N, C-alpha and C. Protein backbone atom coordinates (compact mmCIF):
# COMPACT_ATOMS: atom_id res chain seq x y z
N MET A 1 230.33 15.26 57.05
CA MET A 1 231.19 15.37 58.23
C MET A 1 232.15 14.20 58.27
N THR A 2 233.32 14.48 58.75
CA THR A 2 234.27 13.38 58.87
C THR A 2 233.94 12.56 60.11
N HIS A 3 234.45 11.35 60.12
CA HIS A 3 234.19 10.44 61.24
C HIS A 3 234.67 11.01 62.56
N SER A 4 235.81 11.66 62.57
CA SER A 4 236.35 12.19 63.83
C SER A 4 235.51 13.35 64.37
N ILE A 5 234.94 14.16 63.50
CA ILE A 5 234.08 15.26 63.95
C ILE A 5 232.79 14.71 64.54
N ILE A 6 232.23 13.71 63.89
CA ILE A 6 231.01 13.08 64.40
C ILE A 6 231.27 12.42 65.75
N LYS A 7 232.39 11.72 65.84
CA LYS A 7 232.74 11.06 67.09
C LYS A 7 232.93 12.09 68.21
N ALA A 8 233.59 13.18 67.91
CA ALA A 8 233.80 14.25 68.90
C ALA A 8 232.47 14.89 69.30
N SER A 9 231.58 15.06 68.33
CA SER A 9 230.26 15.64 68.62
C SER A 9 229.45 14.72 69.54
N ASN A 10 229.49 13.43 69.26
CA ASN A 10 228.78 12.47 70.11
C ASN A 10 229.35 12.48 71.52
N TYR A 11 230.67 12.47 71.63
CA TYR A 11 231.32 12.47 72.93
C TYR A 11 230.95 13.74 73.71
N THR A 12 231.00 14.89 73.04
CA THR A 12 230.67 16.16 73.69
C THR A 12 229.22 16.17 74.16
N ALA A 13 228.32 15.70 73.31
CA ALA A 13 226.90 15.65 73.69
C ALA A 13 226.70 14.76 74.91
N LEU A 14 227.32 13.60 74.92
CA LEU A 14 227.19 12.69 76.06
C LEU A 14 227.76 13.29 77.34
N GLN A 15 228.89 13.99 77.23
CA GLN A 15 229.48 14.62 78.41
C GLN A 15 228.58 15.74 78.95
N LEU A 16 227.98 16.50 78.05
CA LEU A 16 227.06 17.57 78.48
C LEU A 16 225.83 16.99 79.17
N ILE A 17 225.30 15.91 78.63
CA ILE A 17 224.14 15.27 79.25
C ILE A 17 224.51 14.70 80.61
N LYS A 18 225.65 14.04 80.70
CA LYS A 18 226.11 13.49 81.98
C LYS A 18 226.29 14.60 83.01
N GLY A 19 226.89 15.71 82.59
CA GLY A 19 227.07 16.84 83.50
C GLY A 19 225.73 17.40 83.96
N TYR A 20 224.80 17.53 83.05
CA TYR A 20 223.45 18.00 83.39
C TYR A 20 222.82 17.06 84.41
N GLN A 21 222.87 15.75 84.14
CA GLN A 21 222.24 14.77 85.02
C GLN A 21 222.90 14.75 86.40
N ARG A 22 224.19 14.93 86.44
CA ARG A 22 224.90 14.83 87.72
C ARG A 22 224.82 16.10 88.55
N TYR A 23 224.93 17.25 87.91
CA TYR A 23 225.05 18.50 88.67
C TYR A 23 223.81 19.37 88.63
N LEU A 24 223.17 19.49 87.50
CA LEU A 24 222.04 20.40 87.37
C LEU A 24 220.71 19.75 87.75
N SER A 25 220.47 18.57 87.26
CA SER A 25 219.20 17.91 87.48
C SER A 25 218.85 17.75 88.97
N PRO A 26 219.77 17.32 89.83
CA PRO A 26 219.41 17.18 91.25
C PRO A 26 219.08 18.53 91.92
N ILE A 27 219.66 19.61 91.43
CA ILE A 27 219.44 20.92 92.02
C ILE A 27 218.10 21.50 91.61
N LYS A 28 217.71 21.29 90.36
CA LYS A 28 216.51 21.94 89.83
C LYS A 28 215.24 21.45 90.51
N GLY A 29 215.23 20.22 90.97
CA GLY A 29 214.12 19.73 91.76
C GLY A 29 212.85 19.38 90.99
N PHE A 30 212.93 19.12 89.72
CA PHE A 30 211.75 18.70 88.98
C PHE A 30 212.11 17.63 87.97
N LYS A 31 211.10 16.94 87.50
CA LYS A 31 211.26 15.86 86.53
C LYS A 31 210.60 16.29 85.23
N CYS A 32 211.07 15.81 84.13
CA CYS A 32 210.47 16.20 82.86
C CYS A 32 209.03 15.67 82.79
N ALA A 33 208.21 16.39 82.04
CA ALA A 33 206.80 16.06 81.93
C ALA A 33 206.58 14.67 81.33
N SER A 34 207.37 14.31 80.34
CA SER A 34 207.23 13.01 79.70
C SER A 34 207.48 11.88 80.70
N GLY A 35 208.56 11.98 81.44
CA GLY A 35 208.88 10.96 82.43
C GLY A 35 207.81 10.86 83.51
N HIS A 36 207.25 12.00 83.88
CA HIS A 36 206.21 12.02 84.91
C HIS A 36 204.90 11.42 84.40
N LEU A 37 204.45 11.89 83.25
CA LEU A 37 203.14 11.46 82.74
C LEU A 37 203.12 9.99 82.33
N TYR A 38 204.16 9.56 81.63
CA TYR A 38 204.18 8.20 81.11
C TYR A 38 204.89 7.21 82.03
N GLY A 39 205.50 7.71 83.10
CA GLY A 39 206.16 6.84 84.06
C GLY A 39 207.38 6.13 83.51
N ASP A 40 207.99 6.75 82.51
CA ASP A 40 209.19 6.12 81.94
C ASP A 40 210.40 7.03 82.13
N THR A 41 211.36 6.88 81.31
CA THR A 41 212.62 7.60 81.43
C THR A 41 212.44 9.10 81.19
N THR A 42 213.35 9.87 81.75
CA THR A 42 213.33 11.31 81.54
C THR A 42 213.92 11.62 80.16
N CYS A 43 213.72 12.85 79.73
CA CYS A 43 214.25 13.25 78.41
C CYS A 43 215.77 13.12 78.36
N SER A 44 216.44 13.55 79.41
CA SER A 44 217.91 13.48 79.37
C SER A 44 218.39 12.04 79.24
N ALA A 45 217.76 11.12 79.94
CA ALA A 45 218.15 9.71 79.85
C ALA A 45 217.81 9.14 78.47
N ALA A 46 216.66 9.51 77.94
CA ALA A 46 216.26 9.02 76.61
C ALA A 46 217.19 9.56 75.53
N ILE A 47 217.50 10.84 75.60
CA ILE A 47 218.38 11.45 74.60
C ILE A 47 219.80 10.90 74.72
N LYS A 48 220.24 10.66 75.93
CA LYS A 48 221.55 10.05 76.13
C LYS A 48 221.62 8.67 75.46
N ALA A 49 220.57 7.88 75.60
CA ALA A 49 220.52 6.56 74.97
C ALA A 49 220.51 6.68 73.45
N ILE A 50 219.78 7.66 72.94
CA ILE A 50 219.73 7.87 71.48
C ILE A 50 221.11 8.21 70.96
N VAL A 51 221.80 9.12 71.63
CA VAL A 51 223.14 9.53 71.18
C VAL A 51 224.10 8.34 71.25
N LYS A 52 224.01 7.55 72.32
CA LYS A 52 224.88 6.36 72.45
C LYS A 52 224.63 5.36 71.32
N ASN A 53 223.36 5.13 71.00
CA ASN A 53 223.00 4.09 70.04
C ASN A 53 223.04 4.53 68.58
N GLN A 54 222.66 5.78 68.32
CA GLN A 54 222.54 6.23 66.94
C GLN A 54 223.50 7.36 66.57
N GLY A 55 224.02 8.04 67.58
CA GLY A 55 224.83 9.22 67.33
C GLY A 55 223.94 10.44 67.26
N ILE A 56 224.52 11.60 67.45
CA ILE A 56 223.73 12.82 67.50
C ILE A 56 223.16 13.21 66.14
N VAL A 57 223.90 12.92 65.07
CA VAL A 57 223.43 13.31 63.73
C VAL A 57 222.32 12.37 63.27
N GLN A 58 222.58 11.08 63.28
CA GLN A 58 221.55 10.12 62.83
C GLN A 58 220.38 10.05 63.81
N GLY A 59 220.64 10.31 65.07
CA GLY A 59 219.60 10.25 66.08
C GLY A 59 218.79 11.52 66.22
N PHE A 60 219.14 12.55 65.46
CA PHE A 60 218.46 13.84 65.60
C PHE A 60 216.94 13.74 65.46
N PRO A 61 216.39 13.00 64.50
CA PRO A 61 214.93 12.87 64.44
C PRO A 61 214.33 12.24 65.71
N ALA A 62 215.01 11.25 66.25
CA ALA A 62 214.52 10.61 67.48
C ALA A 62 214.62 11.58 68.67
N ILE A 63 215.65 12.41 68.69
CA ILE A 63 215.78 13.42 69.74
C ILE A 63 214.63 14.42 69.63
N GLN A 64 214.34 14.86 68.42
CA GLN A 64 213.21 15.77 68.20
C GLN A 64 211.90 15.14 68.66
N ASN A 65 211.70 13.87 68.35
CA ASN A 65 210.48 13.18 68.78
C ASN A 65 210.37 13.10 70.29
N GLN A 66 211.49 12.88 70.98
CA GLN A 66 211.46 12.83 72.44
C GLN A 66 211.07 14.19 73.01
N LEU A 67 211.63 15.25 72.47
CA LEU A 67 211.29 16.59 72.96
C LEU A 67 209.83 16.94 72.65
N LYS A 68 209.34 16.51 71.50
CA LYS A 68 207.93 16.72 71.17
C LYS A 68 207.03 15.95 72.12
N ARG A 69 207.46 14.74 72.47
CA ARG A 69 206.70 13.91 73.40
C ARG A 69 206.61 14.59 74.77
N CYS A 70 207.70 15.18 75.21
CA CYS A 70 207.72 15.88 76.50
C CYS A 70 206.84 17.13 76.42
N HIS A 71 206.94 17.84 75.32
CA HIS A 71 206.13 19.03 75.11
C HIS A 71 204.63 18.67 75.16
N SER A 72 204.27 17.60 74.49
CA SER A 72 202.88 17.14 74.48
C SER A 72 202.44 16.72 75.88
N ALA A 73 203.29 16.03 76.59
CA ALA A 73 202.97 15.61 77.96
C ALA A 73 202.75 16.81 78.86
N ALA A 74 203.58 17.84 78.72
CA ALA A 74 203.43 19.04 79.53
C ALA A 74 202.09 19.73 79.25
N ARG A 75 201.72 19.76 77.98
CA ARG A 75 200.42 20.35 77.62
C ARG A 75 199.27 19.53 78.20
N GLN A 76 199.40 18.21 78.15
CA GLN A 76 198.38 17.33 78.71
C GLN A 76 198.24 17.55 80.21
N LEU A 77 199.35 17.63 80.90
CA LEU A 77 199.33 17.85 82.35
C LEU A 77 198.72 19.21 82.68
N ALA A 78 199.07 20.23 81.91
CA ALA A 78 198.55 21.58 82.15
C ALA A 78 197.04 21.63 81.92
N ALA A 79 196.55 20.83 80.98
CA ALA A 79 195.12 20.81 80.67
C ALA A 79 194.31 20.00 81.68
N ASN A 80 194.98 19.25 82.53
CA ASN A 80 194.31 18.40 83.51
C ASN A 80 194.82 18.74 84.91
N PRO A 81 194.32 19.84 85.49
CA PRO A 81 194.85 20.27 86.80
C PRO A 81 194.58 19.28 87.93
N GLY A 82 193.70 18.30 87.73
CA GLY A 82 193.44 17.31 88.76
C GLY A 82 194.55 16.28 88.90
N GLN A 83 195.42 16.19 87.91
CA GLN A 83 196.52 15.23 87.92
C GLN A 83 197.67 15.79 88.76
N PRO A 84 198.30 14.95 89.59
CA PRO A 84 199.43 15.45 90.38
C PRO A 84 200.55 15.94 89.47
N GLN A 85 201.00 17.19 89.71
CA GLN A 85 202.00 17.80 88.85
C GLN A 85 203.17 18.38 89.62
N SER A 86 203.24 18.12 90.87
CA SER A 86 204.30 18.70 91.69
C SER A 86 205.68 18.29 91.16
N GLY A 87 206.50 19.26 90.89
CA GLY A 87 207.86 18.99 90.44
C GLY A 87 207.98 18.58 89.00
N VAL A 88 206.99 18.92 88.15
CA VAL A 88 207.01 18.54 86.75
C VAL A 88 207.25 19.78 85.89
N PHE A 89 208.08 19.63 84.88
CA PHE A 89 208.42 20.76 84.03
C PHE A 89 208.83 20.25 82.66
N CYS A 90 208.49 21.01 81.64
CA CYS A 90 208.94 20.69 80.28
C CYS A 90 209.91 21.77 79.85
N CYS A 91 211.11 21.38 79.58
CA CYS A 91 212.15 22.35 79.22
C CYS A 91 211.91 22.98 77.85
N VAL A 92 211.06 22.40 77.05
CA VAL A 92 210.84 22.93 75.71
C VAL A 92 209.46 23.55 75.55
N LEU A 93 208.66 23.64 76.62
CA LEU A 93 207.30 24.13 76.51
C LEU A 93 207.20 25.53 75.88
N PRO A 94 208.06 26.48 76.24
CA PRO A 94 207.91 27.78 75.61
C PRO A 94 208.32 27.79 74.14
N ILE A 95 208.96 26.74 73.68
CA ILE A 95 209.45 26.68 72.30
C ILE A 95 208.40 25.96 71.46
N PRO A 96 207.89 26.61 70.40
CA PRO A 96 206.90 25.91 69.58
C PRO A 96 207.55 24.75 68.81
N LEU A 97 206.99 23.57 68.96
CA LEU A 97 207.53 22.39 68.28
C LEU A 97 206.58 21.92 67.20
């Protein structure tokens, strides 16, 4: 890929994440499972940081790991109904990772 295509891809990805965080995330009313279970950043914030620091192409393995982490957290929460889960959701749970 040429440098300009990669730069455009990174910019587009960041704009999509920002739009999601600003307009969609507040409406949906839930937090990602990873952020809830581990008490750290949400997937969108983590992926945004990865794209900023590594770019979407080089950061792709780290993005996959973040989504797998969220998927695993959602499974952990589902297996432990005694844990508070109100407003928790994994966007990738139906997708086998």
